[in-house]
Amino acid sequence: MKIQILIGSTRQGRISERVANWVAASAMEQPNFEVELVDLADYDMPYFDEAISPQFNPKRQPSEVVKKFLAKVAEADGYVIVTPEYNYSITAVLKNALDNLAFELAKKPVAIVSYGSVGGARAAEQLKGILFAVKASVVPMAIALVGPHSVIDEDGNFIGDTASPYGPDKLLVRMLGELAWYTDTLKAGRKELTGVK
Protein backbone atom coordinates (compact mmCIF):
# COMPACT_ATOMS: atom_id res chain seq x y z
CA MET A 1 0.00 0.00 0.00
CA LYS A 2 1.40 3.37 -1.01
CA ILE A 3 0.91 5.90 1.77
CA GLN A 4 1.73 9.57 1.33
CA ILE A 5 2.20 11.96 4.23
CA LEU A 6 1.39 15.49 3.12
CA ILE A 7 3.17 18.34 4.88
CA GLY A 8 0.53 21.07 5.07
CA SER A 9 2.65 24.12 5.90
CA THR A 10 5.38 25.92 3.97
CA ARG A 11 6.18 28.84 6.23
CA GLN A 12 9.60 29.58 7.72
CA GLY A 13 10.27 27.87 11.02
CA ARG A 14 7.43 25.41 10.51
CA ILE A 15 7.14 22.44 12.83
CA SER A 16 4.97 20.43 10.45
CA GLU A 17 8.01 18.79 8.87
CA ARG A 18 9.12 17.42 12.24
CA VAL A 19 5.58 16.18 12.96
CA ALA A 20 5.44 14.57 9.50
CA ASN A 21 8.75 12.81 10.14
CA TRP A 22 7.36 11.42 13.40
CA VAL A 23 4.29 10.14 11.54
CA ALA A 24 6.47 8.69 8.77
CA ALA A 25 8.71 6.82 11.22
CA SER A 26 5.69 5.15 12.80
CA ALA A 27 4.07 4.47 9.43
CA MET A 28 7.21 2.72 8.19
CA GLU A 29 6.71 0.17 10.97
CA GLN A 30 3.29 -0.76 9.60
CA PRO A 31 3.37 -3.95 7.53
CA ASN A 32 2.69 -3.40 3.84
CA PHE A 33 3.12 0.39 4.01
CA GLU A 34 5.32 2.05 1.40
CA VAL A 35 5.72 5.54 2.86
CA GLU A 36 6.51 8.79 1.06
CA LEU A 37 6.62 12.36 2.34
CA VAL A 38 5.00 14.91 0.02
CA ASP A 39 6.02 18.45 0.90
CA LEU A 40 3.84 21.26 -0.44
CA ALA A 41 6.96 23.43 -0.36
CA ASP A 42 8.15 21.43 -3.40
CA TYR A 43 5.10 22.50 -5.42
CA ASP A 44 4.96 26.26 -5.89
CA MET A 45 1.41 26.24 -7.21
CA PRO A 46 -0.37 29.46 -8.16
CA TYR A 47 -3.61 30.24 -6.38
CA PHE A 48 -6.44 28.33 -7.96
CA ASP A 49 -8.10 30.56 -10.56
CA GLU A 50 -9.58 28.16 -13.10
CA ALA A 51 -12.96 29.10 -14.55
CA ILE A 52 -14.49 25.68 -13.88
CA SER A 53 -14.19 23.31 -10.93
CA PRO A 54 -11.68 20.54 -11.73
CA GLN A 55 -14.37 17.92 -11.09
CA PHE A 56 -16.50 19.36 -13.89
CA ASN A 57 -13.82 20.22 -16.44
CA PRO A 58 -12.82 17.28 -18.67
CA LYS A 59 -10.83 19.65 -20.90
CA ARG A 60 -8.81 21.06 -18.03
CA GLN A 61 -5.29 22.30 -18.80
CA PRO A 62 -3.56 22.91 -15.45
CA SER A 63 -0.10 24.43 -15.19
CA GLU A 64 2.94 22.15 -15.19
CA VAL A 65 3.51 22.42 -11.45
CA VAL A 66 -0.15 21.57 -10.77
CA LYS A 67 0.09 18.59 -13.15
CA LYS A 68 3.17 17.43 -11.26
CA PHE A 69 1.36 17.67 -7.92
CA LEU A 70 -1.76 15.91 -9.22
CA ALA A 71 0.31 13.09 -10.70
CA LYS A 72 2.18 12.66 -7.42
CA VAL A 73 -0.88 12.45 -5.16
CA ALA A 74 -2.66 10.15 -7.62
CA GLU A 75 0.07 7.54 -7.02
CA ALA A 76 -0.97 6.84 -3.44
CA ASP A 77 -3.56 4.47 -2.00
CA GLY A 78 -3.94 6.36 1.29
CA TYR A 79 -2.80 9.56 2.96
CA VAL A 80 -1.99 11.29 6.20
CA ILE A 81 -2.32 15.07 6.14
CA VAL A 82 -0.29 16.95 8.74
CA THR A 83 -1.84 20.37 9.31
CA PRO A 84 -1.31 23.22 11.72
CA GLU A 85 -4.14 25.50 12.75
CA TYR A 86 -4.00 29.06 11.44
CA ASN A 87 -6.80 31.36 12.66
CA TYR A 88 -9.09 28.40 13.42
CA SER A 89 -8.50 26.83 10.01
CA ILE A 90 -5.98 25.07 7.77
CA THR A 91 -3.21 26.87 5.91
CA ALA A 92 -3.90 28.72 2.66
CA VAL A 93 -1.32 26.59 0.85
CA LEU A 94 -3.04 23.36 1.90
CA LYS A 95 -6.49 24.66 0.93
CA ASN A 96 -5.09 25.74 -2.43
CA ALA A 97 -3.55 22.32 -3.04
CA LEU A 98 -6.85 20.61 -2.24
CA ASP A 99 -8.79 23.06 -4.45
CA ASN A 100 -6.63 21.92 -7.38
CA LEU A 101 -7.70 18.29 -6.99
CA ALA A 102 -10.25 16.65 -9.23
CA PHE A 103 -10.67 12.94 -8.39
CA GLU A 104 -7.13 12.02 -7.31
CA LEU A 105 -8.29 11.31 -3.72
CA ALA A 106 -11.67 9.87 -4.63
CA LYS A 107 -12.58 6.73 -2.66
CA LYS A 108 -9.20 6.85 -0.90
CA PRO A 109 -8.70 7.20 2.86
CA VAL A 110 -7.15 10.22 4.54
CA ALA A 111 -6.07 10.37 8.17
CA ILE A 112 -5.50 13.73 9.86
CA VAL A 113 -2.76 14.81 12.25
CA SER A 114 -3.29 18.36 13.47
CA TYR A 115 -1.51 20.59 15.94
CA GLY A 116 -1.80 24.04 17.46
CA SER A 117 -4.30 25.63 19.81
CA VAL A 118 -6.63 22.92 21.13
CA GLY A 119 -4.53 20.48 19.13
CA GLY A 120 -5.51 22.04 15.82
CA ALA A 121 -8.96 20.48 16.24
CA ARG A 122 -10.78 23.36 14.54
CA ALA A 123 -8.51 23.09 11.51
CA ALA A 124 -9.05 19.34 11.44
CA GLU A 125 -12.83 19.77 11.45
CA GLN A 126 -12.68 22.19 8.52
CA LEU A 127 -10.29 19.87 6.70
CA LYS A 128 -12.76 16.99 6.98
CA GLY A 129 -15.40 18.97 5.11
CA ILE A 130 -12.95 19.83 2.33
CA LEU A 131 -11.91 16.19 2.03
CA PHE A 132 -15.53 15.11 1.70
CA ALA A 133 -15.88 17.59 -1.17
CA VAL A 134 -12.97 16.02 -3.07
CA LYS A 135 -14.57 12.59 -2.55
CA ALA A 136 -11.99 11.29 -0.07
CA SER A 137 -12.90 8.99 2.83
CA VAL A 138 -11.86 10.44 6.18
CA VAL A 139 -10.47 7.99 8.72
CA PRO A 140 -12.52 8.50 11.92
CA MET A 141 -9.57 8.44 14.30
CA ALA A 142 -7.31 11.50 14.27
CA ILE A 143 -4.37 12.91 16.22
CA ALA A 144 -4.56 16.40 17.76
CA LEU A 145 -1.25 17.56 19.23
CA VAL A 146 -1.04 20.32 21.81
CA GLY A 147 2.49 21.67 22.21
CA PRO A 148 4.22 19.46 19.62
CA HIS A 149 7.55 21.15 20.37
CA SER A 150 7.54 19.49 23.78
CA VAL A 151 6.85 15.94 22.57
CA ILE A 152 8.61 15.71 19.19
CA ASP A 153 12.26 16.66 18.74
CA GLU A 154 13.80 18.31 15.67
CA ASP A 155 14.52 14.92 14.08
CA GLY A 156 10.92 13.76 14.42
CA ASN A 157 11.48 11.51 17.44
CA PHE A 158 8.76 11.24 20.06
CA ILE A 159 10.15 12.47 23.39
CA GLY A 160 6.91 12.64 25.36
CA ASP A 161 5.54 10.21 27.91
CA THR A 162 5.82 6.75 26.39
CA ALA A 163 4.31 5.04 29.45
CA SER A 164 0.79 6.32 28.92
CA PRO A 165 -1.43 3.97 26.89
CA TYR A 166 -3.30 7.06 25.65
CA GLY A 167 -0.31 9.17 24.65
CA PRO A 168 0.13 10.52 21.10
CA ASP A 169 2.65 7.82 20.19
CA LYS A 170 0.21 5.01 21.04
CA LEU A 171 -2.73 6.79 19.42
CA LEU A 172 -0.71 7.30 16.24
CA VAL A 173 -0.09 3.56 15.95
CA ARG A 174 -3.81 2.91 16.36
CA MET A 175 -4.70 5.56 13.80
CA LEU A 176 -2.26 4.11 11.29
CA GLY A 177 -3.80 0.69 11.90
CA GLU A 178 -7.18 2.18 10.98
CA LEU A 179 -5.64 3.80 7.91
CA ALA A 180 -4.27 0.41 6.85
CA TRP A 181 -7.72 -1.17 7.13
CA TYR A 182 -9.42 1.62 5.20
CA THR A 183 -6.67 1.65 2.57
CA ASP A 184 -6.88 -2.09 1.98
CA THR A 185 -10.68 -2.13 1.97
CA LEU A 186 -11.15 0.87 -0.31
CA LYS A 187 -8.44 -0.30 -2.70
CA ALA A 188 -10.29 -3.59 -3.11
CA GLY A 189 -13.54 -1.70 -3.57
CA ARG A 190 -12.07 0.56 -6.26
CA LYS A 191 -10.71 -2.46 -8.07
CA GLU A 192 -14.09 -4.18 -7.98
CA LEU A 193 -15.85 -1.02 -9.13
CA THR A 194 -13.54 -0.16 -12.02
CA GLY A 195 -11.57 -3.30 -12.73
CA VAL A 196 -8.30 -1.40 -12.15
CA LYS A 197 -6.18 -0.69 -9.07
C-alpha atoms as a PDB file:
ATOM      1  CA  MET A   1       0.000   0.000   0.000  1.00  0.00           C
ATOM      2  CA  LYS A   2       1.396   3.371  -1.013  1.00  0.00           C
ATOM      3  CA  ILE A   3       0.907   5.895   1.767  1.00  0.00           C
ATOM      4  CA  GLN A   4       1.730   9.575   1.333  1.00  0.00           C
ATOM      5  CA  ILE A   5       2.205  11.963   4.231  1.00  0.00           C
ATOM      6  CA  LEU A   6       1.389  15.495   3.115  1.00  0.00           C
ATOM      7  CA  ILE A   7       3.172  18.338   4.880  1.00  0.00           C
ATOM      8  CA  GLY A   8       0.532  21.069   5.066  1.00  0.00           C
ATOM      9  CA  SER A   9       2.648  24.118   5.900  1.00  0.00           C
ATOM     10  CA  THR A  10       5.377  25.919   3.968  1.00  0.00           C
ATOM     11  CA  ARG A  11       6.184  28.835   6.229  1.00  0.00           C
ATOM     12  CA  GLN A  12       9.597  29.582   7.718  1.00  0.00           C
ATOM     13  CA  GLY A  13      10.270  27.870  11.022  1.00  0.00           C
ATOM     14  CA  ARG A  14       7.430  25.411  10.508  1.00  0.00           C
ATOM     15  CA  ILE A  15       7.140  22.440  12.827  1.00  0.00           C
ATOM     16  CA  SER A  16       4.970  20.431  10.445  1.00  0.00           C
ATOM     17  CA  GLU A  17       8.009  18.791   8.868  1.00  0.00           C
ATOM     18  CA  ARG A  18       9.117  17.423  12.244  1.00  0.00           C
ATOM     19  CA  VAL A  19       5.578  16.183  12.960  1.00  0.00           C
ATOM     20  CA  ALA A  20       5.441  14.570   9.505  1.00  0.00           C
ATOM     21  CA  ASN A  21       8.754  12.806  10.136  1.00  0.00           C
ATOM     22  CA  TRP A  22       7.355  11.422  13.396  1.00  0.00           C
ATOM     23  CA  VAL A  23       4.293  10.136  11.539  1.00  0.00           C
ATOM     24  CA  ALA A  24       6.473   8.688   8.769  1.00  0.00           C
ATOM     25  CA  ALA A  25       8.715   6.821  11.223  1.00  0.00           C
ATOM     26  CA  SER A  26       5.694   5.151  12.798  1.00  0.00           C
ATOM     27  CA  ALA A  27       4.073   4.470   9.428  1.00  0.00           C
ATOM     28  CA  MET A  28       7.214   2.719   8.195  1.00  0.00           C
ATOM     29  CA  GLU A  29       6.710   0.166  10.966  1.00  0.00           C
ATOM     30  CA  GLN A  30       3.290  -0.761   9.596  1.00  0.00           C
ATOM     31  CA  PRO A  31       3.374  -3.954   7.535  1.00  0.00           C
ATOM     32  CA  ASN A  32       2.685  -3.405   3.835  1.00  0.00           C
ATOM     33  CA  PHE A  33       3.119   0.389   4.006  1.00  0.00           C
ATOM     34  CA  GLU A  34       5.318   2.053   1.403  1.00  0.00           C
ATOM     35  CA  VAL A  35       5.724   5.540   2.863  1.00  0.00           C
ATOM     36  CA  GLU A  36       6.514   8.791   1.058  1.00  0.00           C
ATOM     37  CA  LEU A  37       6.624  12.362   2.342  1.00  0.00           C
ATOM     38  CA  VAL A  38       4.997  14.906   0.023  1.00  0.00           C
ATOM     39  CA  ASP A  39       6.017  18.451   0.899  1.00  0.00           C
ATOM     40  CA  LEU A  40       3.838  21.264  -0.443  1.00  0.00           C
ATOM     41  CA  ALA A  41       6.963  23.425  -0.357  1.00  0.00           C
ATOM     42  CA  ASP A  42       8.152  21.428  -3.395  1.00  0.00           C
ATOM     43  CA  TYR A  43       5.105  22.500  -5.418  1.00  0.00           C
ATOM     44  CA  ASP A  44       4.956  26.260  -5.893  1.00  0.00           C
ATOM     45  CA  MET A  45       1.406  26.236  -7.212  1.00  0.00           C
ATOM     46  CA  PRO A  46      -0.371  29.458  -8.164  1.00  0.00           C
ATOM     47  CA  TYR A  47      -3.608  30.238  -6.380  1.00  0.00           C
ATOM     48  CA  PHE A  48      -6.441  28.331  -7.962  1.00  0.00           C
ATOM     49  CA  ASP A  49      -8.099  30.561 -10.562  1.00  0.00           C
ATOM     50  CA  GLU A  50      -9.577  28.164 -13.104  1.00  0.00           C
ATOM     51  CA  ALA A  51     -12.960  29.098 -14.548  1.00  0.00           C
ATOM     52  CA  ILE A  52     -14.493  25.678 -13.884  1.00  0.00           C
ATOM     53  CA  SER A  53     -14.190  23.309 -10.931  1.00  0.00           C
ATOM     54  CA  PRO A  54     -11.679  20.539 -11.730  1.00  0.00           C
ATOM     55  CA  GLN A  55     -14.367  17.916 -11.087  1.00  0.00           C
ATOM     56  CA  PHE A  56     -16.501  19.358 -13.889  1.00  0.00           C
ATOM     57  CA  ASN A  57     -13.825  20.222 -16.442  1.00  0.00           C
ATOM     58  CA  PRO A  58     -12.816  17.279 -18.669  1.00  0.00           C
ATOM     59  CA  LYS A  59     -10.831  19.653 -20.903  1.00  0.00           C
ATOM     60  CA  ARG A  60      -8.814  21.058 -18.027  1.00  0.00           C
ATOM     61  CA  GLN A  61      -5.292  22.302 -18.800  1.00  0.00           C
ATOM     62  CA  PRO A  62      -3.556  22.908 -15.446  1.00  0.00           C
ATOM     63  CA  SER A  63      -0.095  24.431 -15.188  1.00  0.00           C
ATOM     64  CA  GLU A  64       2.938  22.147 -15.187  1.00  0.00           C
ATOM     65  CA  VAL A  65       3.509  22.417 -11.447  1.00  0.00           C
ATOM     66  CA  VAL A  66      -0.149  21.565 -10.770  1.00  0.00           C
ATOM     67  CA  LYS A  67       0.094  18.588 -13.146  1.00  0.00           C
ATOM     68  CA  LYS A  68       3.168  17.428 -11.260  1.00  0.00           C
ATOM     69  CA  PHE A  69       1.361  17.670  -7.923  1.00  0.00           C
ATOM     70  CA  LEU A  70      -1.756  15.911  -9.220  1.00  0.00           C
ATOM     71  CA  ALA A  71       0.310  13.091 -10.700  1.00  0.00           C
ATOM     72  CA  LYS A  72       2.176  12.658  -7.423  1.00  0.00           C
ATOM     73  CA  VAL A  73      -0.877  12.448  -5.164  1.00  0.00           C
ATOM     74  CA  ALA A  74      -2.656  10.154  -7.623  1.00  0.00           C
ATOM     75  CA  GLU A  75       0.074   7.543  -7.024  1.00  0.00           C
ATOM     76  CA  ALA A  76      -0.970   6.843  -3.439  1.00  0.00           C
ATOM     77  CA  ASP A  77      -3.557   4.472  -1.998  1.00  0.00           C
ATOM     78  CA  GLY A  78      -3.938   6.362   1.285  1.00  0.00           C
ATOM     79  CA  TYR A  79      -2.799   9.557   2.958  1.00  0.00           C
ATOM     80  CA  VAL A  80      -1.993  11.292   6.205  1.00  0.00           C
ATOM     81  CA  ILE A  81      -2.320  15.068   6.140  1.00  0.00           C
ATOM     82  CA  VAL A  82      -0.294  16.951   8.742  1.00  0.00           C
ATOM     83  CA  THR A  83      -1.836  20.370   9.307  1.00  0.00           C
ATOM     84  CA  PRO A  84      -1.307  23.224  11.717  1.00  0.00           C
ATOM     85  CA  GLU A  85      -4.143  25.504  12.753  1.00  0.00           C
ATOM     86  CA  TYR A  86      -3.998  29.062  11.443  1.00  0.00           C
ATOM     87  CA  ASN A  87      -6.796  31.360  12.656  1.00  0.00           C
ATOM     88  CA  TYR A  88      -9.089  28.403  13.422  1.00  0.00           C
ATOM     89  CA  SER A  89      -8.497  26.835  10.007  1.00  0.00           C
ATOM     90  CA  ILE A  90      -5.975  25.073   7.771  1.00  0.00           C
ATOM     91  CA  THR A  91      -3.215  26.874   5.909  1.00  0.00           C
ATOM     92  CA  ALA A  92      -3.904  28.717   2.660  1.00  0.00           C
ATOM     93  CA  VAL A  93      -1.315  26.586   0.849  1.00  0.00           C
ATOM     94  CA  LEU A  94      -3.035  23.356   1.901  1.00  0.00           C
ATOM     95  CA  LYS A  95      -6.486  24.665   0.935  1.00  0.00           C
ATOM     96  CA  ASN A  96      -5.088  25.741  -2.435  1.00  0.00           C
ATOM     97  CA  ALA A  97      -3.551  22.318  -3.038  1.00  0.00           C
ATOM     98  CA  LEU A  98      -6.853  20.613  -2.242  1.00  0.00           C
ATOM     99  CA  ASP A  99      -8.786  23.059  -4.448  1.00  0.00           C
ATOM    100  CA  ASN A 100      -6.633  21.921  -7.379  1.00  0.00           C
ATOM    101  CA  LEU A 101      -7.704  18.285  -6.988  1.00  0.00           C
ATOM    102  CA  ALA A 102     -10.248  16.650  -9.233  1.00  0.00           C
ATOM    103  CA  PHE A 103     -10.669  12.945  -8.390  1.00  0.00           C
ATOM    104  CA  GLU A 104      -7.126  12.020  -7.307  1.00  0.00           C
ATOM    105  CA  LEU A 105      -8.286  11.314  -3.723  1.00  0.00           C
ATOM    106  CA  ALA A 106     -11.673   9.866  -4.634  1.00  0.00           C
ATOM    107  CA  LYS A 107     -12.581   6.733  -2.662  1.00  0.00           C
ATOM    108  CA  LYS A 108      -9.203   6.848  -0.903  1.00  0.00           C
ATOM    109  CA  PRO A 109      -8.695   7.204   2.859  1.00  0.00           C
ATOM    110  CA  VAL A 110      -7.152  10.219   4.540  1.00  0.00           C
ATOM    111  CA  ALA A 111      -6.072  10.367   8.173  1.00  0.00           C
ATOM    112  CA  ILE A 112      -5.501  13.731   9.857  1.00  0.00           C
ATOM    113  CA  VAL A 113      -2.760  14.806  12.254  1.00  0.00           C
ATOM    114  CA  SER A 114      -3.290  18.357  13.473  1.00  0.00           C
ATOM    115  CA  TYR A 115      -1.513  20.587  15.938  1.00  0.00           C
ATOM    116  CA  GLY A 116      -1.797  24.035  17.456  1.00  0.00           C
ATOM    117  CA  SER A 117      -4.303  25.632  19.814  1.00  0.00           C
ATOM    118  CA  VAL A 118      -6.632  22.920  21.127  1.00  0.00           C
ATOM    119  CA  GLY A 119      -4.526  20.480  19.128  1.00  0.00           C
ATOM    120  CA  GLY A 120      -5.512  22.041  15.824  1.00  0.00           C
ATOM    121  CA  ALA A 121      -8.964  20.476  16.244  1.00  0.00           C
ATOM    122  CA  ARG A 122     -10.778  23.363  14.539  1.00  0.00           C
ATOM    123  CA  ALA A 123      -8.509  23.094  11.506  1.00  0.00           C
ATOM    124  CA  ALA A 124      -9.052  19.336  11.438  1.00  0.00           C
ATOM    125  CA  GLU A 125     -12.834  19.769  11.445  1.00  0.00           C
ATOM    126  CA  GLN A 126     -12.679  22.186   8.519  1.00  0.00           C
ATOM    127  CA  LEU A 127     -10.287  19.872   6.698  1.00  0.00           C
ATOM    128  CA  LYS A 128     -12.762  16.990   6.979  1.00  0.00           C
ATOM    129  CA  GLY A 129     -15.400  18.967   5.105  1.00  0.00           C
ATOM    130  CA  ILE A 130     -12.954  19.832   2.330  1.00  0.00           C
ATOM    131  CA  LEU A 131     -11.905  16.192   2.030  1.00  0.00           C
ATOM    132  CA  PHE A 132     -15.526  15.107   1.696  1.00  0.00           C
ATOM    133  CA  ALA A 133     -15.876  17.592  -1.166  1.00  0.00           C
ATOM    134  CA  VAL A 134     -12.965  16.019  -3.074  1.00  0.00           C
ATOM    135  CA  LYS A 135     -14.570  12.585  -2.552  1.00  0.00           C
ATOM    136  CA  ALA A 136     -11.992  11.288  -0.065  1.00  0.00           C
ATOM    137  CA  SER A 137     -12.899   8.987   2.827  1.00  0.00           C
ATOM    138  CA  VAL A 138     -11.856  10.444   6.182  1.00  0.00           C
ATOM    139  CA  VAL A 139     -10.467   7.988   8.724  1.00  0.00           C
ATOM    140  CA  PRO A 140     -12.522   8.501  11.923  1.00  0.00           C
ATOM    141  CA  MET A 141      -9.568   8.438  14.305  1.00  0.00           C
ATOM    142  CA  ALA A 142      -7.314  11.501  14.270  1.00  0.00           C
ATOM    143  CA  ILE A 143      -4.370  12.906  16.218  1.00  0.00           C
ATOM    144  CA  ALA A 144      -4.559  16.396  17.761  1.00  0.00           C
ATOM    145  CA  LEU A 145      -1.251  17.561  19.227  1.00  0.00           C
ATOM    146  CA  VAL A 146      -1.036  20.323  21.805  1.00  0.00           C
ATOM    147  CA  GLY A 147       2.493  21.671  22.211  1.00  0.00           C
ATOM    148  CA  PRO A 148       4.218  19.462  19.624  1.00  0.00           C
ATOM    149  CA  HIS A 149       7.553  21.151  20.369  1.00  0.00           C
ATOM    150  CA  SER A 150       7.545  19.494  23.775  1.00  0.00           C
ATOM    151  CA  VAL A 151       6.850  15.945  22.573  1.00  0.00           C
ATOM    152  CA  ILE A 152       8.612  15.713  19.186  1.00  0.00           C
ATOM    153  CA  ASP A 153      12.264  16.657  18.738  1.00  0.00           C
ATOM    154  CA  GLU A 154      13.798  18.305  15.665  1.00  0.00           C
ATOM    155  CA  ASP A 155      14.515  14.915  14.081  1.00  0.00           C
ATOM    156  CA  GLY A 156      10.920  13.762  14.422  1.00  0.00           C
ATOM    157  CA  ASN A 157      11.480  11.510  17.436  1.00  0.00           C
ATOM    158  CA  PHE A 158       8.760  11.242  20.057  1.00  0.00           C
ATOM    159  CA  ILE A 159      10.148  12.472  23.393  1.00  0.00           C
ATOM    160  CA  GLY A 160       6.905  12.640  25.357  1.00  0.00           C
ATOM    161  CA  ASP A 161       5.537  10.211  27.914  1.00  0.00           C
ATOM    162  CA  THR A 162       5.816   6.747  26.389  1.00  0.00           C
ATOM    163  CA  ALA A 163       4.313   5.036  29.448  1.00  0.00           C
ATOM    164  CA  SER A 164       0.791   6.322  28.915  1.00  0.00           C
ATOM    165  CA  PRO A 165      -1.425   3.970  26.885  1.00  0.00           C
ATOM    166  CA  TYR A 166      -3.304   7.058  25.653  1.00  0.00           C
ATOM    167  CA  GLY A 167      -0.311   9.168  24.649  1.00  0.00           C
ATOM    168  CA  PRO A 168       0.130  10.520  21.105  1.00  0.00           C
ATOM    169  CA  ASP A 169       2.649   7.817  20.193  1.00  0.00           C
ATOM    170  CA  LYS A 170       0.208   5.012  21.039  1.00  0.00           C
ATOM    171  CA  LEU A 171      -2.728   6.794  19.420  1.00  0.00           C
ATOM    172  CA  LEU A 172      -0.706   7.301  16.242  1.00  0.00           C
ATOM    173  CA  VAL A 173      -0.087   3.559  15.949  1.00  0.00           C
ATOM    174  CA  ARG A 174      -3.810   2.910  16.364  1.00  0.00           C
ATOM    175  CA  MET A 175      -4.704   5.557  13.804  1.00  0.00           C
ATOM    176  CA  LEU A 176      -2.264   4.106  11.289  1.00  0.00           C
ATOM    177  CA  GLY A 177      -3.803   0.692  11.896  1.00  0.00           C
ATOM    178  CA  GLU A 178      -7.183   2.181  10.978  1.00  0.00           C
ATOM    179  CA  LEU A 179      -5.644   3.803   7.915  1.00  0.00           C
ATOM    180  CA  ALA A 180      -4.265   0.414   6.854  1.00  0.00           C
ATOM    181  CA  TRP A 181      -7.724  -1.172   7.132  1.00  0.00           C
ATOM    182  CA  TYR A 182      -9.417   1.617   5.197  1.00  0.00           C
ATOM    183  CA  THR A 183      -6.673   1.647   2.567  1.00  0.00           C
ATOM    184  CA  ASP A 184      -6.879  -2.088   1.979  1.00  0.00           C
ATOM    185  CA  THR A 185     -10.685  -2.131   1.967  1.00  0.00           C
ATOM    186  CA  LEU A 186     -11.150   0.869  -0.311  1.00  0.00           C
ATOM    187  CA  LYS A 187      -8.440  -0.299  -2.697  1.00  0.00           C
ATOM    188  CA  ALA A 188     -10.294  -3.594  -3.105  1.00  0.00           C
ATOM    189  CA  GLY A 189     -13.544  -1.698  -3.572  1.00  0.00           C
ATOM    190  CA  ARG A 190     -12.071   0.555  -6.264  1.00  0.00           C
ATOM    191  CA  LYS A 191     -10.711  -2.455  -8.071  1.00  0.00           C
ATOM    192  CA  GLU A 192     -14.092  -4.181  -7.981  1.00  0.00           C
ATOM    193  CA  LEU A 193     -15.849  -1.017  -9.134  1.00  0.00           C
ATOM    194  CA  THR A 194     -13.538  -0.157 -12.017  1.00  0.00           C
ATOM    195  CA  GLY A 195     -11.566  -3.297 -12.730  1.00  0.00           C
ATOM    196  CA  VAL A 196      -8.302  -1.400 -12.153  1.00  0.00           C
ATOM    197  CA  LYS A 197      -6.177  -0.686  -9.067  1.00  0.00           C
END
